[in-house]
Amino acid sequence: MFDVIQILQDYGYIGMFLISFLESGVFPILPGDSLLFASGILASNNYINIYVSIAVFFTGSFLGGISGYYIGDKLEDLRDSKYFSFYLKKVFKEKYLDEAREFFKRRGELTILLCKFVPIVRTFAPVIAGVVEMDYKKFVLYNLLGAFVWSVSFVGLGYFLGERFPFVSKYMEYIIIAILIVTTAPVIVKVYKKYKNRKSN
């Protein structure tokens, strides 16, 4: 498990940027929500600046989403290439892509906005959006809004609780573990149910 407090102490704003960037469309690492929350608590104790923290997380998340979209777009191009076609068509089956295209036509904007709040999903949603060629202008707009709401809400909540309730700083590690469990449990349960359904069919 990631020690988010250690990350903040050792790597500061650079660590904040890299994790929010990678987790928002490049690589599914998990401490995003808890890292934002912890930075808000540390900001309430004047260890870091809350406005800089929000700006760093927002920028990392926004650029990570854009990168994820371009990765997906390139993967779609590679599906038709001579060298990668066989492997990518195994991963991105046409049936699932058609379902994803239909889904993104109906709910793509909301998905990109809300995926920021769900670990793992926030990594892969921008990639799938690129693969199914979601309208780029819409993607950028909702990726921007999602990055802003995500960074402001989690950092702001940590700051508010840290300032109003001193005991929050004392028990920060336990609260961070709780956040990790609450945010990742629904994803794990959903994946497990899908796995069971496929196995039974």
C-alpha atoms as a PDB file:
ATOM      1  CA  MET A   1       0.000   0.000   0.000  1.00  0.00           C
ATOM      2  CA  PHE A   2       1.220   3.515  -0.758  1.00  0.00           C
ATOM      3  CA  ASP A   3       2.266   5.673   2.173  1.00  0.00           C
ATOM      4  CA  VAL A   4       0.677   8.907   0.956  1.00  0.00           C
ATOM      5  CA  ILE A   5       2.055  10.968   3.848  1.00  0.00           C
ATOM      6  CA  GLN A   6       5.579   9.797   2.987  1.00  0.00           C
ATOM      7  CA  ILE A   7       4.990  10.635  -0.673  1.00  0.00           C
ATOM      8  CA  LEU A   8       3.929  14.164   0.237  1.00  0.00           C
ATOM      9  CA  GLN A   9       6.893  14.636   2.571  1.00  0.00           C
ATOM     10  CA  ASP A  10       9.499  13.167   0.209  1.00  0.00           C
ATOM     11  CA  TYR A  11       8.309  14.369  -3.196  1.00  0.00           C
ATOM     12  CA  GLY A  12       6.015  17.317  -2.457  1.00  0.00           C
ATOM     13  CA  TYR A  13       4.325  18.987  -5.409  1.00  0.00           C
ATOM     14  CA  ILE A  14       6.246  16.890  -7.965  1.00  0.00           C
ATOM     15  CA  GLY A  15       4.889  13.692  -6.394  1.00  0.00           C
ATOM     16  CA  MET A  16       1.371  15.167  -6.361  1.00  0.00           C
ATOM     17  CA  PHE A  17       1.581  16.023 -10.039  1.00  0.00           C
ATOM     18  CA  LEU A  18       3.044  12.692 -11.148  1.00  0.00           C
ATOM     19  CA  ILE A  19       0.526  10.547  -9.276  1.00  0.00           C
ATOM     20  CA  SER A  20      -2.508  12.588 -10.369  1.00  0.00           C
ATOM     21  CA  PHE A  21      -1.170  12.586 -13.947  1.00  0.00           C
ATOM     22  CA  LEU A  22      -0.452   8.850 -14.111  1.00  0.00           C
ATOM     23  CA  GLU A  23      -3.657   7.807 -12.375  1.00  0.00           C
ATOM     24  CA  SER A  24      -5.871   9.949 -14.613  1.00  0.00           C
ATOM     25  CA  GLY A  25      -5.244   8.143 -17.872  1.00  0.00           C
ATOM     26  CA  VAL A  26      -1.858   6.449 -18.003  1.00  0.00           C
ATOM     27  CA  PHE A  27      -1.311   3.901 -15.209  1.00  0.00           C
ATOM     28  CA  PRO A  28      -3.776   2.640 -12.563  1.00  0.00           C
ATOM     29  CA  ILE A  29      -2.126   3.447  -9.236  1.00  0.00           C
ATOM     30  CA  LEU A  30      -4.455   3.874  -6.275  1.00  0.00           C
ATOM     31  CA  PRO A  31      -3.604   6.644  -3.802  1.00  0.00           C
ATOM     32  CA  GLY A  32      -5.215   9.508  -5.757  1.00  0.00           C
ATOM     33  CA  ASP A  33      -8.221  10.312  -3.547  1.00  0.00           C
ATOM     34  CA  SER A  34      -6.366   9.736  -0.295  1.00  0.00           C
ATOM     35  CA  LEU A  35      -3.399  11.763  -1.529  1.00  0.00           C
ATOM     36  CA  LEU A  36      -5.637  14.748  -2.277  1.00  0.00           C
ATOM     37  CA  PHE A  37      -7.361  14.419   1.086  1.00  0.00           C
ATOM     38  CA  ALA A  38      -4.044  14.132   2.963  1.00  0.00           C
ATOM     39  CA  SER A  39      -2.655  17.187   1.169  1.00  0.00           C
ATOM     40  CA  GLY A  40      -5.702  19.159   2.316  1.00  0.00           C
ATOM     41  CA  ILE A  41      -5.062  18.140   5.936  1.00  0.00           C
ATOM     42  CA  LEU A  42      -1.371  19.061   5.636  1.00  0.00           C
ATOM     43  CA  ALA A  43      -2.368  22.397   4.097  1.00  0.00           C
ATOM     44  CA  SER A  44      -4.623  23.078   7.097  1.00  0.00           C
ATOM     45  CA  ASN A  45      -1.512  22.666   9.288  1.00  0.00           C
ATOM     46  CA  ASN A  46       0.506  25.004   7.011  1.00  0.00           C
ATOM     47  CA  TYR A  47       2.885  22.312   5.742  1.00  0.00           C
ATOM     48  CA  ILE A  48       1.924  23.026   2.125  1.00  0.00           C
ATOM     49  CA  ASN A  49      -0.136  25.637   0.299  1.00  0.00           C
ATOM     50  CA  ILE A  50      -3.744  24.651  -0.409  1.00  0.00           C
ATOM     51  CA  TYR A  51      -4.049  26.737  -3.596  1.00  0.00           C
ATOM     52  CA  VAL A  52      -0.834  25.371  -5.078  1.00  0.00           C
ATOM     53  CA  SER A  53      -1.926  21.827  -4.141  1.00  0.00           C
ATOM     54  CA  ILE A  54      -5.274  22.215  -5.911  1.00  0.00           C
ATOM     55  CA  ALA A  55      -3.580  23.723  -8.977  1.00  0.00           C
ATOM     56  CA  VAL A  56      -1.030  20.892  -9.131  1.00  0.00           C
ATOM     57  CA  PHE A  57      -3.637  18.135  -8.782  1.00  0.00           C
ATOM     58  CA  PHE A  58      -5.939  19.827 -11.278  1.00  0.00           C
ATOM     59  CA  THR A  59      -3.166  20.197 -13.865  1.00  0.00           C
ATOM     60  CA  GLY A  60      -1.926  16.620 -13.363  1.00  0.00           C
ATOM     61  CA  SER A  61      -5.420  15.151 -13.604  1.00  0.00           C
ATOM     62  CA  PHE A  62      -6.376  17.195 -16.673  1.00  0.00           C
ATOM     63  CA  LEU A  63      -3.172  16.413 -18.581  1.00  0.00           C
ATOM     64  CA  GLY A  64      -3.361  12.747 -17.531  1.00  0.00           C
ATOM     65  CA  GLY A  65      -6.859  12.525 -19.004  1.00  0.00           C
ATOM     66  CA  ILE A  66      -5.702  14.112 -22.271  1.00  0.00           C
ATOM     67  CA  SER A  67      -2.779  11.663 -22.432  1.00  0.00           C
ATOM     68  CA  GLY A  68      -5.151   8.745 -21.826  1.00  0.00           C
ATOM     69  CA  TYR A  69      -7.371   9.891 -24.692  1.00  0.00           C
ATOM     70  CA  TYR A  70      -4.393  10.040 -27.069  1.00  0.00           C
ATOM     71  CA  ILE A  71      -3.199   6.610 -25.908  1.00  0.00           C
ATOM     72  CA  GLY A  72      -6.644   5.204 -26.719  1.00  0.00           C
ATOM     73  CA  ASP A  73      -6.699   6.966 -30.072  1.00  0.00           C
ATOM     74  CA  LYS A  74      -3.303   5.490 -31.012  1.00  0.00           C
ATOM     75  CA  LEU A  75      -4.340   2.019 -29.811  1.00  0.00           C
ATOM     76  CA  GLU A  76      -7.344   2.189 -32.149  1.00  0.00           C
ATOM     77  CA  ASP A  77      -5.009   3.069 -35.032  1.00  0.00           C
ATOM     78  CA  LEU A  78      -2.700   0.163 -34.120  1.00  0.00           C
ATOM     79  CA  ARG A  79      -5.631  -2.288 -34.340  1.00  0.00           C
ATOM     80  CA  ASP A  80      -5.395  -1.939 -38.101  1.00  0.00           C
ATOM     81  CA  SER A  81      -1.601  -2.199 -38.245  1.00  0.00           C
ATOM     82  CA  LYS A  82       0.255  -5.233 -39.568  1.00  0.00           C
ATOM     83  CA  TYR A  83       2.235  -5.932 -36.398  1.00  0.00           C
ATOM     84  CA  PHE A  84      -0.158  -5.238 -33.516  1.00  0.00           C
ATOM     85  CA  SER A  85      -3.539  -6.034 -35.052  1.00  0.00           C
ATOM     86  CA  PHE A  86      -3.821  -9.637 -33.780  1.00  0.00           C
ATOM     87  CA  TYR A  87      -3.021  -8.811 -30.138  1.00  0.00           C
ATOM     88  CA  LEU A  88      -5.082  -5.633 -29.903  1.00  0.00           C
ATOM     89  CA  LYS A  89      -8.113  -7.233 -31.527  1.00  0.00           C
ATOM     90  CA  LYS A  90      -7.944  -9.891 -28.812  1.00  0.00           C
ATOM     91  CA  VAL A  91      -7.984  -7.182 -26.120  1.00  0.00           C
ATOM     92  CA  PHE A  92     -10.379  -4.746 -27.836  1.00  0.00           C
ATOM     93  CA  LYS A  93     -13.000  -7.061 -29.298  1.00  0.00           C
ATOM     94  CA  GLU A  94     -15.352  -5.437 -31.805  1.00  0.00           C
ATOM     95  CA  LYS A  95     -18.419  -6.467 -29.807  1.00  0.00           C
ATOM     96  CA  TYR A  96     -17.182  -4.660 -26.685  1.00  0.00           C
ATOM     97  CA  LEU A  97     -16.067  -1.635 -28.676  1.00  0.00           C
ATOM     98  CA  ASP A  98     -19.517  -1.302 -30.228  1.00  0.00           C
ATOM     99  CA  GLU A  99     -21.049  -1.431 -26.743  1.00  0.00           C
ATOM    100  CA  ALA A 100     -18.563   1.173 -25.512  1.00  0.00           C
ATOM    101  CA  ARG A 101     -19.269   3.460 -28.485  1.00  0.00           C
ATOM    102  CA  GLU A 102     -22.990   3.287 -27.800  1.00  0.00           C
ATOM    103  CA  PHE A 103     -22.413   3.930 -24.105  1.00  0.00           C
ATOM    104  CA  PHE A 104     -20.161   6.944 -24.719  1.00  0.00           C
ATOM    105  CA  LYS A 105     -22.692   8.389 -27.178  1.00  0.00           C
ATOM    106  CA  ARG A 106     -25.348   8.321 -24.452  1.00  0.00           C
ATOM    107  CA  ARG A 107     -23.368   8.936 -21.265  1.00  0.00           C
ATOM    108  CA  GLY A 108     -19.822   9.798 -22.293  1.00  0.00           C
ATOM    109  CA  GLU A 109     -19.794  13.308 -20.860  1.00  0.00           C
ATOM    110  CA  LEU A 110     -21.065  12.193 -17.442  1.00  0.00           C
ATOM    111  CA  THR A 111     -18.647   9.250 -17.425  1.00  0.00           C
ATOM    112  CA  ILE A 112     -15.607  11.452 -18.026  1.00  0.00           C
ATOM    113  CA  LEU A 113     -16.799  13.904 -15.368  1.00  0.00           C
ATOM    114  CA  LEU A 114     -17.525  11.319 -12.668  1.00  0.00           C
ATOM    115  CA  CYS A 115     -14.764   8.803 -13.427  1.00  0.00           C
ATOM    116  CA  LYS A 116     -12.300  11.036 -11.578  1.00  0.00           C
ATOM    117  CA  PHE A 117     -13.911   9.896  -8.329  1.00  0.00           C
ATOM    118  CA  VAL A 118     -13.526   6.157  -8.993  1.00  0.00           C
ATOM    119  CA  PRO A 119     -10.067   4.544  -8.757  1.00  0.00           C
ATOM    120  CA  ILE A 120      -8.999   2.455 -11.781  1.00  0.00           C
ATOM    121  CA  VAL A 121     -12.010   3.734 -13.760  1.00  0.00           C
ATOM    122  CA  ARG A 122     -10.440   7.218 -13.878  1.00  0.00           C
ATOM    123  CA  THR A 123      -7.392   5.630 -15.551  1.00  0.00           C
ATOM    124  CA  PHE A 124      -9.192   3.630 -18.225  1.00  0.00           C
ATOM    125  CA  ALA A 125     -12.216   5.826 -19.051  1.00  0.00           C
ATOM    126  CA  PRO A 126     -10.115   8.408 -20.997  1.00  0.00           C
ATOM    127  CA  VAL A 127      -8.345   5.575 -22.862  1.00  0.00           C
ATOM    128  CA  ILE A 128     -11.670   3.991 -23.878  1.00  0.00           C
ATOM    129  CA  ALA A 129     -12.952   7.440 -24.868  1.00  0.00           C
ATOM    130  CA  GLY A 130      -9.982   7.703 -27.245  1.00  0.00           C
ATOM    131  CA  VAL A 131     -10.466   4.186 -28.593  1.00  0.00           C
ATOM    132  CA  VAL A 132     -14.157   4.797 -29.429  1.00  0.00           C
ATOM    133  CA  GLU A 133     -13.350   8.304 -30.725  1.00  0.00           C
ATOM    134  CA  MET A 134     -15.538  10.307 -28.376  1.00  0.00           C
ATOM    135  CA  ASP A 135     -15.934  13.890 -29.613  1.00  0.00           C
ATOM    136  CA  TYR A 136     -12.632  15.503 -28.593  1.00  0.00           C
ATOM    137  CA  LYS A 137     -14.032  18.931 -27.681  1.00  0.00           C
ATOM    138  CA  LYS A 138     -16.615  17.353 -25.391  1.00  0.00           C
ATOM    139  CA  PHE A 139     -13.962  15.131 -23.857  1.00  0.00           C
ATOM    140  CA  VAL A 140     -11.672  18.088 -23.123  1.00  0.00           C
ATOM    141  CA  LEU A 141     -14.509  20.099 -21.551  1.00  0.00           C
ATOM    142  CA  TYR A 142     -15.711  17.321 -19.231  1.00  0.00           C
ATOM    143  CA  ASN A 143     -12.185  16.188 -18.439  1.00  0.00           C
ATOM    144  CA  LEU A 144     -11.467  19.798 -17.417  1.00  0.00           C
ATOM    145  CA  LEU A 145     -14.588  19.980 -15.239  1.00  0.00           C
ATOM    146  CA  GLY A 146     -13.906  16.568 -13.686  1.00  0.00           C
ATOM    147  CA  ALA A 147     -10.292  17.442 -12.844  1.00  0.00           C
ATOM    148  CA  PHE A 148     -11.401  20.722 -11.258  1.00  0.00           C
ATOM    149  CA  VAL A 149     -14.234  19.244  -9.166  1.00  0.00           C
ATOM    150  CA  TRP A 150     -12.087  16.279  -8.070  1.00  0.00           C
ATOM    151  CA  SER A 151      -9.121  18.365  -6.953  1.00  0.00           C
ATOM    152  CA  VAL A 152     -11.165  21.088  -5.248  1.00  0.00           C
ATOM    153  CA  SER A 153     -13.532  18.692  -3.443  1.00  0.00           C
ATOM    154  CA  PHE A 154     -10.973  16.272  -1.989  1.00  0.00           C
ATOM    155  CA  VAL A 155      -8.309  18.826  -1.101  1.00  0.00           C
ATOM    156  CA  GLY A 156     -10.997  21.195   0.201  1.00  0.00           C
ATOM    157  CA  LEU A 157     -12.578  18.464   2.339  1.00  0.00           C
ATOM    158  CA  GLY A 158      -9.228  17.543   3.859  1.00  0.00           C
ATOM    159  CA  TYR A 159      -8.470  21.192   4.564  1.00  0.00           C
ATOM    160  CA  PHE A 160     -11.890  21.845   6.125  1.00  0.00           C
ATOM    161  CA  LEU A 161     -11.788  18.791   8.395  1.00  0.00           C
ATOM    162  CA  GLY A 162      -8.144  19.355   9.344  1.00  0.00           C
ATOM    163  CA  GLU A 163      -8.862  22.966  10.319  1.00  0.00           C
ATOM    164  CA  ARG A 164     -12.123  22.336  12.195  1.00  0.00           C
ATOM    165  CA  PHE A 165     -11.302  19.022  13.867  1.00  0.00           C
ATOM    166  CA  PRO A 166      -7.713  18.759  15.172  1.00  0.00           C
ATOM    167  CA  PHE A 167      -8.056  15.007  15.840  1.00  0.00           C
ATOM    168  CA  VAL A 168      -8.289  14.410  12.067  1.00  0.00           C
ATOM    169  CA  SER A 169      -4.562  15.174  11.723  1.00  0.00           C
ATOM    170  CA  LYS A 170      -3.787  12.734  14.549  1.00  0.00           C
ATOM    171  CA  TYR A 171      -5.703   9.873  12.921  1.00  0.00           C
ATOM    172  CA  MET A 172      -4.912  10.791   9.322  1.00  0.00           C
ATOM    173  CA  GLU A 173      -3.397   7.406   8.450  1.00  0.00           C
ATOM    174  CA  TYR A 174      -6.535   5.530   9.524  1.00  0.00           C
ATOM    175  CA  ILE A 175      -8.780   7.953   7.648  1.00  0.00           C
ATOM    176  CA  ILE A 176      -6.679   7.497   4.497  1.00  0.00           C
ATOM    177  CA  ILE A 177      -6.987   3.699   4.765  1.00  0.00           C
ATOM    178  CA  ALA A 178     -10.761   4.117   5.146  1.00  0.00           C
ATOM    179  CA  ILE A 179     -10.888   6.306   2.012  1.00  0.00           C
ATOM    180  CA  LEU A 180      -8.929   3.684   0.048  1.00  0.00           C
ATOM    181  CA  ILE A 181     -11.337   0.951   1.155  1.00  0.00           C
ATOM    182  CA  VAL A 182     -14.477   3.000   0.457  1.00  0.00           C
ATOM    183  CA  THR A 183     -13.351   4.112  -3.010  1.00  0.00           C
ATOM    184  CA  THR A 184     -11.895   0.805  -4.227  1.00  0.00           C
ATOM    185  CA  ALA A 185     -14.364  -1.692  -2.709  1.00  0.00           C
ATOM    186  CA  PRO A 186     -17.229  -0.956  -5.193  1.00  0.00           C
ATOM    187  CA  VAL A 187     -14.863  -1.473  -8.147  1.00  0.00           C
ATOM    188  CA  ILE A 188     -13.549  -4.770  -6.762  1.00  0.00           C
ATOM    189  CA  VAL A 189     -17.083  -6.022  -6.048  1.00  0.00           C
ATOM    190  CA  LYS A 190     -18.266  -5.090  -9.559  1.00  0.00           C
ATOM    191  CA  VAL A 191     -15.292  -6.813 -11.222  1.00  0.00           C
ATOM    192  CA  TYR A 192     -15.835  -9.906  -9.077  1.00  0.00           C
ATOM    193  CA  LYS A 193     -19.544 -10.067  -9.989  1.00  0.00           C
ATOM    194  CA  LYS A 194     -18.746  -9.734 -13.704  1.00  0.00           C
ATOM    195  CA  TYR A 195     -16.131 -12.474 -13.368  1.00  0.00           C
ATOM    196  CA  LYS A 196     -18.645 -14.789 -11.646  1.00  0.00           C
ATOM    197  CA  ASN A 197     -21.313 -14.088 -14.271  1.00  0.00           C
ATOM    198  CA  ARG A 198     -18.935 -14.873 -17.126  1.00  0.00           C
ATOM    199  CA  LYS A 199     -17.774 -18.051 -15.399  1.00  0.00           C
ATOM    200  CA  SER A 200     -21.343 -19.262 -14.886  1.00  0.00           C
ATOM    201  CA  ASN A 201     -22.373 -18.552 -18.522  1.00  0.00           C
END
